[in-house]
Amino acid sequence: MIKLRYPKKLFRRSSSKGSSTTSSSSSSDGDAAGSARGGEIEWEVRPGGMLVQKRDDGRGHVDVITVRVATGFSWHDVSVVATCTFGELKAVLWKMTGLEPREQRLLFRGKEREDGDHLHMIGVRDMDKVLLLEDPALKDMKLRAGLTAAYRQTFIRV
């Protein structure tokens, strides 16, 4: 978090430009707001790299969302922090489904999402549906490895 000091005159608000009485009353309100916050603006860096003024929404808790993950014929309701990445979601799903994260493909709104994409930046909200597919290339490799092992066993026995 970065704190920058600013002169109080820069960020005053006035409702009308021409009236001197409203600008003086709004400037005193601006001074009160500035002194209550200590004359500092708090900044934060968002996951996308953008530097923005920190929001003061009065909540001290972290937003937890429930994502419904469809895996073929079954559903999994997963509760995660809204700011986590799709890679972190894959790690949670690994424990539920048994598919390793490199074997998983997550689709949201018809597009495959990268492991570094944050859920809240893509637009995933509470009770949104994410589709989990097994990577077809790795599935094919597993199938071929199983077939060659079975072929070798039958060849050796005969």
N, C-alpha and C. Protein backbone atom coordinates (compact mmCIF):
# COMPACT_ATOMS: atom_id res chain seq x y z
N MET A 1 0.84 -1.17 0.00
CA MET A 1 0.00 0.00 0.00
C MET A 1 0.89 1.23 0.00
N ILE A 2 0.53 2.19 -0.81
CA ILE A 2 1.29 3.42 -0.95
C ILE A 2 0.44 4.57 -0.43
N LYS A 3 1.01 5.42 0.39
CA LYS A 3 0.29 6.59 0.88
C LYS A 3 0.96 7.83 0.28
N LEU A 4 0.15 8.67 -0.34
CA LEU A 4 0.65 9.89 -0.92
C LEU A 4 0.01 11.08 -0.22
N ARG A 5 0.79 12.07 0.09
CA ARG A 5 0.26 13.29 0.70
C ARG A 5 -0.14 14.24 -0.43
N TYR A 6 -1.21 14.96 -0.18
CA TYR A 6 -1.66 15.91 -1.17
C TYR A 6 -2.12 17.19 -0.48
N PRO A 7 -2.02 18.31 -1.18
CA PRO A 7 -2.56 19.54 -0.60
C PRO A 7 -4.09 19.47 -0.60
N LYS A 8 -4.70 19.97 0.43
CA LYS A 8 -6.15 19.85 0.59
C LYS A 8 -6.91 20.65 -0.46
N LYS A 9 -6.28 21.62 -1.07
CA LYS A 9 -6.97 22.46 -2.05
C LYS A 9 -7.22 21.72 -3.36
N LEU A 10 -6.48 20.69 -3.65
CA LEU A 10 -6.62 20.00 -4.93
C LEU A 10 -7.90 19.20 -5.06
N PHE A 11 -8.39 18.65 -3.97
CA PHE A 11 -9.49 17.72 -4.05
C PHE A 11 -10.76 18.23 -3.39
N ARG A 12 -11.01 19.50 -3.46
CA ARG A 12 -12.23 20.05 -2.90
C ARG A 12 -13.35 19.93 -3.92
N ARG A 13 -14.54 19.70 -3.42
CA ARG A 13 -15.71 19.61 -4.28
C ARG A 13 -16.61 20.80 -4.03
N SER A 14 -17.18 21.32 -5.07
CA SER A 14 -18.18 22.37 -4.92
C SER A 14 -19.34 22.05 -5.84
N SER A 15 -20.56 22.34 -5.38
CA SER A 15 -21.75 21.99 -6.15
C SER A 15 -22.01 23.00 -7.27
N SER A 16 -21.63 24.28 -7.09
CA SER A 16 -21.81 25.27 -8.16
C SER A 16 -20.51 26.06 -8.31
N LYS A 17 -20.24 26.47 -9.53
CA LYS A 17 -18.97 27.14 -9.80
C LYS A 17 -19.01 28.62 -9.43
N GLY A 18 -20.15 29.28 -9.61
CA GLY A 18 -20.20 30.72 -9.45
C GLY A 18 -20.47 31.19 -8.04
N SER A 19 -21.12 30.41 -7.23
CA SER A 19 -21.51 30.84 -5.90
C SER A 19 -20.34 30.73 -4.93
N SER A 20 -20.04 31.85 -4.25
CA SER A 20 -18.92 31.83 -3.31
C SER A 20 -19.34 31.22 -1.97
N THR A 21 -20.63 31.32 -1.61
CA THR A 21 -21.06 30.78 -0.32
C THR A 21 -21.06 29.25 -0.34
N THR A 22 -21.49 28.66 -1.46
CA THR A 22 -21.50 27.20 -1.50
C THR A 22 -20.09 26.65 -1.59
N SER A 23 -19.20 27.38 -2.28
CA SER A 23 -17.83 26.88 -2.37
C SER A 23 -17.13 26.99 -1.02
N SER A 24 -17.45 28.02 -0.24
CA SER A 24 -16.81 28.13 1.06
C SER A 24 -17.36 27.06 2.01
N SER A 25 -18.68 26.77 1.94
CA SER A 25 -19.21 25.74 2.83
C SER A 25 -18.71 24.37 2.40
N SER A 26 -18.57 24.15 1.09
CA SER A 26 -18.09 22.84 0.66
C SER A 26 -16.60 22.70 0.93
N SER A 27 -15.87 23.83 0.93
CA SER A 27 -14.44 23.72 1.23
C SER A 27 -14.23 23.37 2.70
N SER A 28 -15.11 23.88 3.57
CA SER A 28 -14.96 23.51 4.98
C SER A 28 -15.31 22.04 5.16
N ASP A 29 -16.29 21.53 4.40
CA ASP A 29 -16.60 20.10 4.46
C ASP A 29 -15.42 19.30 3.92
N GLY A 30 -14.79 19.82 2.88
CA GLY A 30 -13.63 19.13 2.30
C GLY A 30 -12.47 19.08 3.28
N ASP A 31 -12.28 20.19 4.06
CA ASP A 31 -11.23 20.20 5.06
C ASP A 31 -11.52 19.20 6.16
N ALA A 32 -12.79 19.10 6.56
CA ALA A 32 -13.14 18.16 7.62
C ALA A 32 -12.90 16.73 7.14
N ALA A 33 -13.28 16.46 5.91
CA ALA A 33 -13.07 15.11 5.39
C ALA A 33 -11.59 14.82 5.23
N GLY A 34 -10.83 15.83 4.80
CA GLY A 34 -9.40 15.63 4.62
C GLY A 34 -8.68 15.45 5.94
N SER A 35 -9.09 16.23 6.97
CA SER A 35 -8.42 16.11 8.25
C SER A 35 -8.83 14.83 8.97
N ALA A 36 -10.05 14.35 8.72
CA ALA A 36 -10.49 13.11 9.36
C ALA A 36 -9.69 11.93 8.82
N ARG A 37 -9.32 12.01 7.57
CA ARG A 37 -8.54 10.94 6.97
C ARG A 37 -7.05 11.19 7.09
N GLY A 38 -6.69 12.29 7.72
CA GLY A 38 -5.28 12.57 7.95
C GLY A 38 -4.60 13.21 6.75
N GLY A 39 -5.35 13.65 5.74
CA GLY A 39 -4.76 14.30 4.58
C GLY A 39 -4.00 13.35 3.67
N GLU A 40 -4.28 12.07 3.74
CA GLU A 40 -3.57 11.09 2.93
C GLU A 40 -4.56 10.30 2.09
N ILE A 41 -4.14 9.94 0.90
CA ILE A 41 -4.90 9.04 0.05
C ILE A 41 -4.19 7.70 0.07
N GLU A 42 -4.93 6.65 0.29
CA GLU A 42 -4.34 5.33 0.28
C GLU A 42 -4.53 4.71 -1.10
N TRP A 43 -3.46 4.14 -1.62
CA TRP A 43 -3.48 3.55 -2.96
C TRP A 43 -3.24 2.06 -2.85
N GLU A 44 -3.76 1.31 -3.83
CA GLU A 44 -3.52 -0.12 -3.90
C GLU A 44 -3.26 -0.52 -5.35
N VAL A 45 -2.54 -1.61 -5.52
CA VAL A 45 -2.26 -2.13 -6.85
C VAL A 45 -3.18 -3.32 -7.07
N ARG A 46 -4.00 -3.25 -8.11
CA ARG A 46 -4.92 -4.33 -8.44
C ARG A 46 -4.16 -5.46 -9.11
N PRO A 47 -4.74 -6.67 -9.17
CA PRO A 47 -4.04 -7.79 -9.79
C PRO A 47 -3.64 -7.54 -11.24
N GLY A 48 -4.36 -6.70 -11.95
CA GLY A 48 -4.00 -6.38 -13.33
C GLY A 48 -2.84 -5.41 -13.44
N GLY A 49 -2.36 -4.89 -12.32
CA GLY A 49 -1.24 -3.96 -12.32
C GLY A 49 -1.64 -2.51 -12.27
N MET A 50 -2.93 -2.22 -12.17
CA MET A 50 -3.41 -0.84 -12.17
C MET A 50 -3.33 -0.26 -10.76
N LEU A 51 -2.82 0.95 -10.64
CA LEU A 51 -2.73 1.65 -9.37
C LEU A 51 -4.01 2.47 -9.20
N VAL A 52 -4.78 2.16 -8.16
CA VAL A 52 -6.06 2.83 -7.94
C VAL A 52 -6.16 3.28 -6.49
N GLN A 53 -7.07 4.22 -6.25
CA GLN A 53 -7.30 4.67 -4.89
C GLN A 53 -8.02 3.56 -4.14
N LYS A 54 -7.58 3.30 -2.92
CA LYS A 54 -8.13 2.21 -2.13
C LYS A 54 -9.57 2.53 -1.74
N ARG A 55 -10.43 1.54 -1.91
CA ARG A 55 -11.84 1.70 -1.56
C ARG A 55 -12.02 1.56 -0.06
N ASP A 56 -12.87 2.41 0.49
CA ASP A 56 -13.19 2.31 1.90
C ASP A 56 -14.67 1.94 1.97
N ASP A 57 -14.94 0.64 1.87
CA ASP A 57 -16.32 0.19 1.85
C ASP A 57 -16.83 -0.20 3.23
N GLY A 58 -16.00 -0.09 4.24
CA GLY A 58 -16.43 -0.36 5.59
C GLY A 58 -16.47 -1.83 5.95
N ARG A 59 -16.08 -2.69 5.02
CA ARG A 59 -16.10 -4.13 5.31
C ARG A 59 -14.69 -4.58 5.62
N GLY A 60 -14.53 -5.35 6.67
CA GLY A 60 -13.22 -5.86 7.04
C GLY A 60 -13.04 -7.31 6.61
N HIS A 61 -14.08 -7.89 6.00
CA HIS A 61 -14.01 -9.29 5.64
C HIS A 61 -13.70 -9.45 4.15
N VAL A 62 -13.35 -10.65 3.78
CA VAL A 62 -13.01 -10.97 2.40
C VAL A 62 -14.24 -11.57 1.74
N ASP A 63 -14.50 -11.17 0.48
CA ASP A 63 -15.65 -11.70 -0.24
C ASP A 63 -15.40 -13.14 -0.63
N VAL A 64 -16.28 -14.02 -0.20
CA VAL A 64 -16.22 -15.43 -0.56
C VAL A 64 -17.40 -15.72 -1.48
N ILE A 65 -17.11 -16.33 -2.61
CA ILE A 65 -18.16 -16.66 -3.55
C ILE A 65 -18.25 -18.19 -3.69
N THR A 66 -19.41 -18.66 -4.09
CA THR A 66 -19.61 -20.07 -4.36
C THR A 66 -19.70 -20.26 -5.85
N VAL A 67 -18.82 -21.08 -6.39
CA VAL A 67 -18.78 -21.34 -7.83
C VAL A 67 -19.31 -22.75 -8.04
N ARG A 68 -20.23 -22.90 -8.97
CA ARG A 68 -20.77 -24.22 -9.30
C ARG A 68 -19.96 -24.76 -10.47
N VAL A 69 -19.28 -25.88 -10.23
CA VAL A 69 -18.41 -26.47 -11.24
C VAL A 69 -19.09 -27.72 -11.79
N ALA A 70 -19.32 -27.74 -13.09
CA ALA A 70 -19.96 -28.87 -13.75
C ALA A 70 -18.87 -29.77 -14.34
N THR A 71 -18.92 -31.06 -13.97
CA THR A 71 -17.96 -32.03 -14.49
C THR A 71 -18.74 -33.18 -15.11
N GLY A 72 -19.16 -33.01 -16.34
CA GLY A 72 -19.93 -34.06 -16.99
C GLY A 72 -21.32 -34.15 -16.39
N PHE A 73 -21.57 -35.24 -15.61
CA PHE A 73 -22.89 -35.46 -15.05
C PHE A 73 -23.01 -35.01 -13.60
N SER A 74 -21.93 -34.57 -13.00
CA SER A 74 -21.98 -34.18 -11.58
C SER A 74 -21.67 -32.69 -11.42
N TRP A 75 -22.06 -32.17 -10.26
CA TRP A 75 -21.84 -30.77 -9.90
C TRP A 75 -21.07 -30.71 -8.60
N HIS A 76 -20.22 -29.70 -8.50
CA HIS A 76 -19.51 -29.43 -7.25
C HIS A 76 -19.69 -27.95 -6.93
N ASP A 77 -20.16 -27.65 -5.74
CA ASP A 77 -20.24 -26.27 -5.28
C ASP A 77 -18.99 -25.98 -4.48
N VAL A 78 -18.18 -25.04 -4.98
CA VAL A 78 -16.89 -24.73 -4.38
C VAL A 78 -16.93 -23.30 -3.86
N SER A 79 -16.58 -23.11 -2.59
CA SER A 79 -16.50 -21.77 -2.00
C SER A 79 -15.04 -21.32 -2.02
N VAL A 80 -14.79 -20.20 -2.70
CA VAL A 80 -13.44 -19.65 -2.83
C VAL A 80 -13.50 -18.14 -2.63
N VAL A 81 -12.35 -17.56 -2.41
CA VAL A 81 -12.24 -16.10 -2.32
C VAL A 81 -12.40 -15.53 -3.72
N ALA A 82 -13.10 -14.42 -3.84
CA ALA A 82 -13.39 -13.85 -5.16
C ALA A 82 -12.14 -13.42 -5.90
N THR A 83 -11.04 -13.15 -5.19
CA THR A 83 -9.82 -12.67 -5.84
C THR A 83 -8.85 -13.79 -6.18
N CYS A 84 -9.23 -15.05 -5.99
CA CYS A 84 -8.29 -16.13 -6.30
C CYS A 84 -8.23 -16.35 -7.81
N THR A 85 -7.25 -17.11 -8.25
CA THR A 85 -7.04 -17.35 -9.68
C THR A 85 -7.68 -18.68 -10.08
N PHE A 86 -7.75 -18.90 -11.40
CA PHE A 86 -8.27 -20.17 -11.90
C PHE A 86 -7.32 -21.31 -11.54
N GLY A 87 -6.03 -21.03 -11.43
CA GLY A 87 -5.07 -22.04 -11.00
C GLY A 87 -5.33 -22.50 -9.58
N GLU A 88 -5.66 -21.57 -8.70
CA GLU A 88 -6.00 -21.91 -7.32
C GLU A 88 -7.31 -22.70 -7.27
N LEU A 89 -8.26 -22.35 -8.13
CA LEU A 89 -9.51 -23.09 -8.21
C LEU A 89 -9.25 -24.53 -8.69
N LYS A 90 -8.31 -24.69 -9.62
CA LYS A 90 -7.95 -26.03 -10.09
C LYS A 90 -7.36 -26.86 -8.95
N ALA A 91 -6.58 -26.24 -8.09
CA ALA A 91 -5.99 -26.95 -6.95
C ALA A 91 -7.07 -27.42 -5.99
N VAL A 92 -8.11 -26.62 -5.79
CA VAL A 92 -9.22 -27.02 -4.93
C VAL A 92 -9.99 -28.17 -5.58
N LEU A 93 -10.19 -28.07 -6.90
CA LEU A 93 -10.93 -29.11 -7.62
C LEU A 93 -10.15 -30.42 -7.69
N TRP A 94 -8.83 -30.35 -7.62
CA TRP A 94 -8.00 -31.54 -7.64
C TRP A 94 -8.36 -32.45 -6.47
N LYS A 95 -8.59 -31.85 -5.31
CA LYS A 95 -8.94 -32.62 -4.12
C LYS A 95 -10.33 -33.26 -4.25
N MET A 96 -11.22 -32.60 -4.99
CA MET A 96 -12.59 -33.11 -5.12
C MET A 96 -12.73 -34.15 -6.23
N THR A 97 -12.06 -33.92 -7.35
CA THR A 97 -12.26 -34.78 -8.52
C THR A 97 -11.16 -35.81 -8.73
N GLY A 98 -9.97 -35.57 -8.23
CA GLY A 98 -8.86 -36.47 -8.46
C GLY A 98 -8.08 -36.15 -9.72
N LEU A 99 -8.54 -35.18 -10.50
CA LEU A 99 -7.81 -34.74 -11.70
C LEU A 99 -6.75 -33.73 -11.29
N GLU A 100 -5.52 -33.96 -11.71
CA GLU A 100 -4.46 -33.01 -11.40
C GLU A 100 -4.72 -31.70 -12.14
N PRO A 101 -4.19 -30.58 -11.61
CA PRO A 101 -4.43 -29.29 -12.25
C PRO A 101 -3.97 -29.22 -13.71
N ARG A 102 -2.91 -29.93 -14.06
CA ARG A 102 -2.45 -29.89 -15.46
C ARG A 102 -3.38 -30.68 -16.37
N GLU A 103 -4.22 -31.56 -15.81
CA GLU A 103 -5.17 -32.34 -16.59
C GLU A 103 -6.51 -31.63 -16.74
N GLN A 104 -6.70 -30.51 -16.05
CA GLN A 104 -7.98 -29.82 -16.04
C GLN A 104 -8.00 -28.67 -17.04
N ARG A 105 -9.17 -28.47 -17.62
CA ARG A 105 -9.43 -27.30 -18.45
C ARG A 105 -10.70 -26.66 -17.92
N LEU A 106 -10.62 -25.39 -17.50
CA LEU A 106 -11.77 -24.69 -16.95
C LEU A 106 -12.30 -23.71 -17.99
N LEU A 107 -13.59 -23.80 -18.26
CA LEU A 107 -14.25 -22.91 -19.21
C LEU A 107 -15.27 -22.06 -18.49
N PHE A 108 -15.23 -20.76 -18.75
CA PHE A 108 -16.22 -19.83 -18.19
C PHE A 108 -16.72 -18.96 -19.33
N ARG A 109 -18.02 -18.92 -19.50
CA ARG A 109 -18.67 -18.20 -20.59
C ARG A 109 -18.14 -18.63 -21.95
N GLY A 110 -17.91 -19.94 -22.09
CA GLY A 110 -17.53 -20.50 -23.38
C GLY A 110 -16.07 -20.38 -23.75
N LYS A 111 -15.25 -19.81 -22.88
CA LYS A 111 -13.83 -19.65 -23.18
C LYS A 111 -12.98 -20.32 -22.12
N GLU A 112 -11.88 -20.95 -22.57
CA GLU A 112 -10.96 -21.54 -21.61
C GLU A 112 -10.17 -20.42 -20.95
N ARG A 113 -10.03 -20.50 -19.65
CA ARG A 113 -9.33 -19.46 -18.90
C ARG A 113 -7.96 -19.95 -18.47
N GLU A 114 -7.01 -19.02 -18.44
CA GLU A 114 -5.64 -19.33 -18.05
C GLU A 114 -5.54 -19.44 -16.53
N ASP A 115 -4.48 -20.11 -16.06
CA ASP A 115 -4.30 -20.30 -14.62
C ASP A 115 -4.07 -18.99 -13.88
N GLY A 116 -3.50 -18.00 -14.52
CA GLY A 116 -3.20 -16.73 -13.86
C GLY A 116 -4.35 -15.74 -13.86
N ASP A 117 -5.45 -16.05 -14.53
CA ASP A 117 -6.59 -15.14 -14.57
C ASP A 117 -7.32 -15.15 -13.23
N HIS A 118 -7.62 -13.97 -12.72
CA HIS A 118 -8.34 -13.85 -11.45
C HIS A 118 -9.84 -13.95 -11.72
N LEU A 119 -10.55 -14.59 -10.80
CA LEU A 119 -11.98 -14.80 -10.98
C LEU A 119 -12.75 -13.48 -11.07
N HIS A 120 -12.46 -12.55 -10.18
CA HIS A 120 -13.22 -11.30 -10.16
C HIS A 120 -12.90 -10.43 -11.37
N MET A 121 -11.71 -10.56 -11.94
CA MET A 121 -11.34 -9.77 -13.12
C MET A 121 -12.05 -10.30 -14.38
N ILE A 122 -12.32 -11.58 -14.43
CA ILE A 122 -13.01 -12.19 -15.57
C ILE A 122 -14.51 -11.96 -15.46
N GLY A 123 -15.02 -11.81 -14.24
CA GLY A 123 -16.44 -11.55 -14.05
C GLY A 123 -17.19 -12.68 -13.38
N VAL A 124 -16.48 -13.59 -12.72
CA VAL A 124 -17.13 -14.69 -12.02
C VAL A 124 -17.76 -14.14 -10.74
N ARG A 125 -19.05 -14.40 -10.57
CA ARG A 125 -19.77 -13.93 -9.39
C ARG A 125 -20.31 -15.13 -8.62
N ASP A 126 -21.00 -14.84 -7.54
CA ASP A 126 -21.55 -15.89 -6.69
C ASP A 126 -22.55 -16.74 -7.48
N MET A 127 -22.42 -18.06 -7.38
CA MET A 127 -23.27 -19.07 -8.01
C MET A 127 -23.18 -19.08 -9.53
N ASP A 128 -22.08 -18.60 -10.09
CA ASP A 128 -21.84 -18.74 -11.53
C ASP A 128 -21.35 -20.14 -11.83
N LYS A 129 -21.57 -20.59 -13.07
CA LYS A 129 -21.20 -21.94 -13.46
C LYS A 129 -19.90 -21.94 -14.25
N VAL A 130 -18.99 -22.85 -13.87
CA VAL A 130 -17.73 -23.05 -14.56
C VAL A 130 -17.71 -24.51 -15.00
N LEU A 131 -17.30 -24.74 -16.24
CA LEU A 131 -17.27 -26.10 -16.78
C LEU A 131 -15.87 -26.67 -16.67
N LEU A 132 -15.76 -27.86 -16.11
CA LEU A 132 -14.48 -28.54 -15.95
C LEU A 132 -14.41 -29.69 -16.95
N LEU A 133 -13.39 -29.67 -17.80
CA LEU A 133 -13.16 -30.74 -18.76
C LEU A 133 -11.79 -31.33 -18.54
N GLU A 134 -11.66 -32.61 -18.83
CA GLU A 134 -10.35 -33.24 -18.78
C GLU A 134 -9.64 -32.91 -20.07
N ASP A 135 -8.36 -32.57 -20.00
CA ASP A 135 -7.58 -32.20 -21.18
C ASP A 135 -7.55 -33.38 -22.14
N PRO A 136 -8.07 -33.22 -23.38
CA PRO A 136 -8.14 -34.36 -24.31
C PRO A 136 -6.77 -34.90 -24.70
N ALA A 137 -5.75 -34.06 -24.78
CA ALA A 137 -4.42 -34.53 -25.15
C ALA A 137 -3.86 -35.46 -24.07
N LEU A 138 -3.99 -35.07 -22.81
CA LEU A 138 -3.50 -35.92 -21.73
C LEU A 138 -4.36 -37.17 -21.57
N LYS A 139 -5.64 -37.05 -21.85
CA LYS A 139 -6.53 -38.21 -21.78
C LYS A 139 -6.13 -39.23 -22.85
N ASP A 140 -5.80 -38.74 -24.05
CA ASP A 140 -5.37 -39.62 -25.13
C ASP A 140 -4.03 -40.28 -24.79
N MET A 141 -3.11 -39.51 -24.19
CA MET A 141 -1.82 -40.09 -23.81
C MET A 141 -2.00 -41.19 -22.77
N LYS A 142 -2.90 -40.98 -21.80
CA LYS A 142 -3.16 -42.00 -20.79
C LYS A 142 -3.75 -43.26 -21.44
N LEU A 143 -4.67 -43.06 -22.37
CA LEU A 143 -5.30 -44.18 -23.05
C LEU A 143 -4.28 -44.99 -23.84
N ARG A 144 -3.42 -44.29 -24.58
CA ARG A 144 -2.39 -44.99 -25.36
C ARG A 144 -1.39 -45.72 -24.46
N ALA A 145 -1.03 -45.10 -23.35
CA ALA A 145 -0.10 -45.76 -22.42
C ALA A 145 -0.73 -47.02 -21.83
N GLY A 146 -2.02 -46.95 -21.53
CA GLY A 146 -2.72 -48.12 -21.00
C GLY A 146 -2.83 -49.22 -22.03
N LEU A 147 -3.07 -48.84 -23.30
CA LEU A 147 -3.18 -49.85 -24.36
C LEU A 147 -1.84 -50.52 -24.64
N THR A 148 -0.77 -49.75 -24.67
CA THR A 148 0.54 -50.35 -24.94
C THR A 148 0.96 -51.26 -23.80
N ALA A 149 0.63 -50.91 -22.56
CA ALA A 149 0.96 -51.77 -21.42
C ALA A 149 0.15 -53.07 -21.50
N ALA A 150 -1.11 -52.96 -21.88
CA ALA A 150 -1.94 -54.16 -22.00
C ALA A 150 -1.44 -55.02 -23.16
N TYR A 151 -1.02 -54.39 -24.26
CA TYR A 151 -0.50 -55.12 -25.42
C TYR A 151 0.79 -55.85 -25.06
N ARG A 152 1.66 -55.20 -24.30
CA ARG A 152 2.92 -55.82 -23.90
C ARG A 152 2.67 -57.04 -23.01
N GLN A 153 1.70 -56.93 -22.11
CA GLN A 153 1.40 -58.05 -21.22
C GLN A 153 0.86 -59.24 -22.01
N THR A 154 0.00 -58.99 -22.97
CA THR A 154 -0.54 -60.10 -23.77
C THR A 154 0.54 -60.68 -24.68
N PHE A 155 1.43 -59.87 -25.16
CA PHE A 155 2.52 -60.35 -26.04
C PHE A 155 3.50 -61.22 -25.27
N ILE A 156 3.80 -60.85 -24.03
CA ILE A 156 4.74 -61.59 -23.22
C ILE A 156 4.14 -62.95 -22.81
N ARG A 157 2.85 -62.99 -22.49
CA ARG A 157 2.19 -64.21 -22.05
C ARG A 157 2.08 -65.23 -23.16
N VAL A 158 1.92 -64.82 -24.39
CA VAL A 158 1.71 -65.75 -25.50
C VAL A 158 2.97 -66.35 -25.97
